[in-house]
Protein backbone atom coordinates (compact mmCIF):
# COMPACT_ATOMS: atom_id res chain seq x y z
CA UNK A 1 75.90 5.80 100.96
CA UNK A 2 73.67 2.79 101.65
CA UNK A 3 71.81 1.42 98.62
CA UNK A 4 68.03 1.26 99.05
CA UNK A 5 65.91 -1.14 97.00
CA UNK A 6 62.13 -1.36 96.86
CA UNK A 7 59.77 -4.14 95.87
CA UNK A 8 57.24 -3.67 93.09
CA UNK A 9 54.33 -3.46 95.56
CA UNK A 10 55.53 -0.01 96.66
CA UNK A 11 56.24 1.02 93.09
CA UNK A 12 52.52 0.56 92.41
CA UNK A 13 51.83 3.59 94.63
CA UNK A 14 54.94 5.53 93.63
CA UNK A 15 55.49 4.95 89.89
CA UNK A 16 58.74 6.96 89.85
CA UNK A 17 60.21 4.95 92.74
CA UNK A 18 63.63 3.55 91.93
CA UNK A 19 66.56 2.09 93.79
CA UNK A 20 68.59 4.93 95.26
CA UNK A 21 71.47 5.73 97.56
CA UNK A 22 70.78 8.05 100.48
CA UNK A 23 72.75 9.29 103.44
CA UNK A 24 72.08 8.16 106.98
CA UNK A 25 73.70 6.24 109.80
CA UNK A 26 70.51 4.53 111.01
CA UNK A 27 67.29 3.38 109.38
CA UNK A 28 65.14 6.23 110.67
CA UNK A 29 67.47 8.71 108.96
CA UNK A 30 67.37 6.72 105.72
CA UNK A 31 63.58 6.73 105.68
CA UNK A 32 63.52 10.48 106.31
CA UNK A 33 65.93 11.02 103.40
CA UNK A 34 64.03 8.64 101.12
CA UNK A 35 60.93 10.72 101.80
CA UNK A 36 62.76 13.82 100.57
CA UNK A 37 63.19 12.15 97.17
CA UNK A 38 59.75 10.49 97.13
CA UNK A 39 57.38 12.67 99.20
CA UNK A 40 54.76 10.67 101.07
CA UNK A 41 56.51 7.31 100.94
CA UNK A 42 57.36 7.43 104.63
CA UNK A 43 53.60 7.31 105.34
CA UNK A 44 53.54 3.87 103.68
CA UNK A 45 56.60 2.69 105.60
CA UNK A 46 56.14 4.00 109.15
CA UNK A 47 53.27 4.75 111.51
CA UNK A 48 52.66 8.25 112.84
CA UNK A 49 54.63 7.32 115.99
CA UNK A 50 57.66 6.27 113.93
CA UNK A 51 57.21 2.49 114.25
CA UNK A 52 57.56 0.37 111.16
CA UNK A 53 54.12 -0.45 109.78
CA UNK A 54 52.91 -3.99 110.36
CA UNK A 55 52.68 -4.74 106.65
CA UNK A 56 56.24 -3.56 105.91
CA UNK A 57 59.52 -5.43 106.38
CA UNK A 58 63.01 -4.06 105.98
CA UNK A 59 66.05 -6.21 105.35
CA UNK A 60 69.59 -5.03 105.98
CA UNK A 61 72.10 -7.07 103.98
CA UNK A 62 69.64 -9.93 103.73
CA UNK A 63 68.64 -10.00 107.41
CA UNK A 64 65.46 -8.57 108.88
CA UNK A 65 66.09 -5.45 110.95
CA UNK A 66 66.12 -5.75 114.74
CA UNK A 67 64.33 -2.55 115.80
CA UNK A 68 60.87 -2.15 114.27
CA UNK A 69 59.90 0.48 116.85
CA UNK A 70 62.55 3.19 116.65
CA UNK A 71 64.35 2.06 113.47
CA UNK A 72 67.67 2.49 115.24
CA UNK A 73 69.52 -0.24 113.31
CA UNK A 74 72.88 1.16 112.22
CA UNK A 75 73.76 1.35 108.54
CA UNK A 76 76.91 2.26 106.67
CA UNK A 77 77.97 2.97 103.12
CA UNK A 78 78.39 -0.70 102.25
CA UNK A 79 74.90 -1.81 103.30
CA UNK A 80 72.03 -2.79 101.06
CA UNK A 81 68.58 -2.08 102.44
CA UNK A 82 65.50 -3.70 100.90
CA UNK A 83 62.04 -2.39 101.78
CA UNK A 84 59.15 -4.81 101.31
CA UNK A 85 55.46 -4.11 101.50
CA UNK A 86 53.66 -7.31 102.42
CA UNK A 87 50.89 -8.41 100.08
CA UNK A 88 47.93 -10.26 101.48
CA UNK A 89 45.14 -12.14 99.84
CA UNK A 90 44.35 -15.56 98.62
């Protein structure tokens, strides 16, 4: 299963959030399955229409994902996925 890591910005809203492994062959499936373990987190990651939120970035093996709209990037058991919530301010 792909390994999912989260930055501390998301852990602020979900104190029990931890790196996990979930099943899925594309990013949209991973996010759905992450939400099963941490209910509500998908609302912080994706818009109501399924697009990745503007303030969120996802990296797949160190490279930014290609499809921010449908999250169709393919993943496999060897991948590491890192989910970042951008922090703004000065």
